[in-house]
């Protein structure tokens, strides 16, 4: 999927991606490649996995 980082706090290690489908999905630091920082407005490519906490972004790449 493609999306835009709507909000991400590098200190807290989580944020939200707004997907092309209009859904906000949480992204956690543990799902980012080591050394990757995200900022609001960045375009990303990603997959979604269903967890016990709900859907989460995984396999993130900057577009």
N, C-alpha and C. Protein backbone atom coordinates (compact mmCIF):
# COMPACT_ATOMS: atom_id res chain seq x y z
N UNK A 1 0.84 -1.18 0.00
CA UNK A 1 0.00 0.00 0.00
C UNK A 1 0.88 1.24 0.00
N UNK A 2 0.28 2.35 -0.37
CA UNK A 2 0.95 3.65 -0.32
C UNK A 2 0.22 4.52 0.69
N UNK A 3 0.97 5.41 1.32
CA UNK A 3 0.35 6.31 2.27
C UNK A 3 1.27 7.47 2.60
N UNK A 4 0.78 8.33 3.48
CA UNK A 4 1.52 9.49 3.93
C UNK A 4 1.57 9.46 5.45
N UNK A 5 2.74 9.73 6.00
CA UNK A 5 2.88 9.79 7.45
C UNK A 5 2.08 11.00 7.93
N UNK A 6 1.05 10.74 8.69
CA UNK A 6 0.20 11.82 9.18
C UNK A 6 0.82 12.46 10.42
N UNK A 7 1.39 11.60 11.26
CA UNK A 7 2.00 12.04 12.51
C UNK A 7 2.93 10.94 12.98
N UNK A 8 4.12 11.30 13.45
CA UNK A 8 5.03 10.31 14.01
C UNK A 8 5.91 10.99 15.04
N UNK A 9 6.02 10.39 16.22
CA UNK A 9 6.86 10.91 17.29
C UNK A 9 8.07 9.99 17.42
N UNK A 10 9.23 10.47 16.95
CA UNK A 10 10.44 9.65 16.99
C UNK A 10 10.88 9.33 18.42
N UNK A 11 10.56 10.17 19.39
CA UNK A 11 10.93 9.90 20.78
C UNK A 11 10.05 8.82 21.39
N UNK A 12 8.75 8.89 21.14
CA UNK A 12 7.82 7.89 21.68
C UNK A 12 7.79 6.61 20.86
N UNK A 13 8.19 6.70 19.59
CA UNK A 13 8.29 5.51 18.76
C UNK A 13 7.01 5.03 18.13
N UNK A 14 6.07 5.92 17.89
CA UNK A 14 4.86 5.51 17.18
C UNK A 14 4.23 6.71 16.49
N UNK A 15 3.30 6.41 15.60
CA UNK A 15 2.59 7.45 14.88
C UNK A 15 1.51 6.83 14.01
N UNK A 16 1.05 7.58 13.01
CA UNK A 16 -0.02 7.11 12.15
C UNK A 16 0.27 7.40 10.69
N UNK A 17 -0.12 6.46 9.84
CA UNK A 17 -0.01 6.61 8.40
C UNK A 17 -1.43 6.68 7.84
N UNK A 18 -1.66 7.64 6.95
CA UNK A 18 -2.94 7.76 6.26
C UNK A 18 -2.79 7.06 4.92
N UNK A 19 -3.51 5.96 4.75
CA UNK A 19 -3.41 5.17 3.53
C UNK A 19 -4.23 5.75 2.40
N UNK A 20 -3.98 5.26 1.19
CA UNK A 20 -4.74 5.70 0.02
C UNK A 20 -6.23 5.40 0.17
N UNK A 21 -6.54 4.41 1.00
CA UNK A 21 -7.94 4.05 1.23
C UNK A 21 -8.62 4.96 2.25
N UNK A 22 -7.88 5.93 2.79
CA UNK A 22 -8.44 6.87 3.75
C UNK A 22 -8.39 6.42 5.20
N UNK A 23 -7.83 5.24 5.44
CA UNK A 23 -7.75 4.70 6.80
C UNK A 23 -6.44 5.11 7.48
N UNK A 24 -6.54 5.49 8.75
CA UNK A 24 -5.36 5.74 9.59
C UNK A 24 -4.93 4.42 10.20
N UNK A 25 -3.64 4.11 10.11
CA UNK A 25 -3.12 2.88 10.69
C UNK A 25 -1.90 3.23 11.54
N UNK A 26 -1.81 2.62 12.71
CA UNK A 26 -0.69 2.90 13.61
C UNK A 26 0.60 2.28 13.08
N UNK A 27 1.67 3.00 13.29
CA UNK A 27 3.00 2.50 12.95
C UNK A 27 3.86 2.61 14.20
N UNK A 28 4.56 1.52 14.50
CA UNK A 28 5.42 1.47 15.68
C UNK A 28 6.88 1.36 15.27
N UNK A 29 7.76 1.91 16.09
CA UNK A 29 9.20 1.89 15.82
C UNK A 29 9.70 0.48 15.54
N UNK A 30 9.15 -0.50 16.24
CA UNK A 30 9.61 -1.88 16.07
C UNK A 30 9.36 -2.41 14.66
N UNK A 31 8.51 -1.75 13.88
CA UNK A 31 8.23 -2.16 12.51
C UNK A 31 9.01 -1.36 11.47
N UNK A 32 9.93 -0.50 11.93
CA UNK A 32 10.76 0.29 11.02
C UNK A 32 12.15 -0.33 10.91
N UNK A 33 12.79 -0.21 9.74
CA UNK A 33 14.19 -0.63 9.66
C UNK A 33 15.04 0.17 10.64
N UNK A 34 16.06 -0.44 11.19
CA UNK A 34 16.94 0.22 12.16
C UNK A 34 17.51 1.49 11.55
N UNK A 35 17.47 2.57 12.33
CA UNK A 35 18.02 3.84 11.88
C UNK A 35 17.08 4.68 11.04
N UNK A 36 15.84 4.22 10.85
CA UNK A 36 14.87 4.96 10.04
C UNK A 36 14.09 5.93 10.92
N UNK A 37 13.98 7.16 10.47
CA UNK A 37 13.17 8.17 11.16
C UNK A 37 12.09 8.63 10.20
N UNK A 38 10.90 8.83 10.72
CA UNK A 38 9.78 9.30 9.90
C UNK A 38 9.35 10.68 10.34
N UNK A 39 8.83 11.42 9.39
CA UNK A 39 8.35 12.78 9.65
C UNK A 39 7.02 12.98 8.95
N UNK A 40 6.16 13.78 9.53
CA UNK A 40 4.84 14.07 8.96
C UNK A 40 4.99 14.54 7.52
N UNK A 41 4.14 14.01 6.65
CA UNK A 41 4.13 14.40 5.25
C UNK A 41 4.95 13.51 4.34
N UNK A 42 5.79 12.63 4.91
CA UNK A 42 6.59 11.74 4.07
C UNK A 42 5.70 10.67 3.43
N UNK A 43 6.01 10.33 2.19
CA UNK A 43 5.30 9.26 1.49
C UNK A 43 6.00 7.95 1.79
N UNK A 44 5.20 6.90 2.06
CA UNK A 44 5.76 5.60 2.38
C UNK A 44 5.01 4.49 1.65
N UNK A 45 5.70 3.38 1.48
CA UNK A 45 5.12 2.13 0.99
C UNK A 45 5.13 1.18 2.18
N UNK A 46 4.09 0.38 2.33
CA UNK A 46 4.01 -0.48 3.51
C UNK A 46 3.03 -1.62 3.31
N UNK A 47 3.06 -2.55 4.24
CA UNK A 47 2.08 -3.62 4.33
C UNK A 47 1.35 -3.46 5.65
N UNK A 48 0.22 -4.12 5.78
CA UNK A 48 -0.55 -4.09 7.03
C UNK A 48 -0.68 -5.51 7.56
N UNK A 49 -0.49 -5.65 8.87
CA UNK A 49 -0.72 -6.93 9.54
C UNK A 49 -1.77 -6.71 10.62
N UNK A 50 -2.58 -7.73 10.83
CA UNK A 50 -3.56 -7.68 11.92
C UNK A 50 -2.93 -8.27 13.17
N UNK A 51 -2.99 -7.51 14.26
CA UNK A 51 -2.44 -7.97 15.54
C UNK A 51 -3.56 -7.95 16.58
N UNK A 52 -3.27 -8.43 17.76
CA UNK A 52 -4.28 -8.40 18.81
C UNK A 52 -4.64 -6.98 19.20
N UNK A 53 -3.79 -6.00 18.85
CA UNK A 53 -4.07 -4.59 19.11
C UNK A 53 -4.78 -3.92 17.93
N UNK A 54 -5.00 -4.67 16.87
CA UNK A 54 -5.61 -4.11 15.66
C UNK A 54 -4.59 -4.04 14.54
N UNK A 55 -4.98 -3.48 13.39
CA UNK A 55 -4.06 -3.41 12.25
C UNK A 55 -2.88 -2.50 12.54
N UNK A 56 -1.70 -2.91 12.04
CA UNK A 56 -0.48 -2.12 12.19
C UNK A 56 0.29 -2.12 10.89
N UNK A 57 1.02 -1.04 10.66
CA UNK A 57 1.89 -0.92 9.50
C UNK A 57 3.14 -1.76 9.72
N UNK A 58 3.59 -2.43 8.66
CA UNK A 58 4.83 -3.20 8.71
C UNK A 58 5.54 -3.09 7.36
N UNK A 59 6.76 -3.52 7.28
CA UNK A 59 7.56 -3.50 6.04
C UNK A 59 7.54 -2.12 5.39
N UNK A 60 7.95 -1.12 6.13
CA UNK A 60 7.90 0.27 5.67
C UNK A 60 9.11 0.63 4.82
N UNK A 61 8.86 1.32 3.72
CA UNK A 61 9.92 1.89 2.88
C UNK A 61 9.49 3.30 2.51
N UNK A 62 10.44 4.22 2.51
CA UNK A 62 10.12 5.58 2.06
C UNK A 62 9.93 5.55 0.55
N UNK A 63 8.90 6.22 0.08
CA UNK A 63 8.58 6.21 -1.35
C UNK A 63 9.31 7.30 -2.09
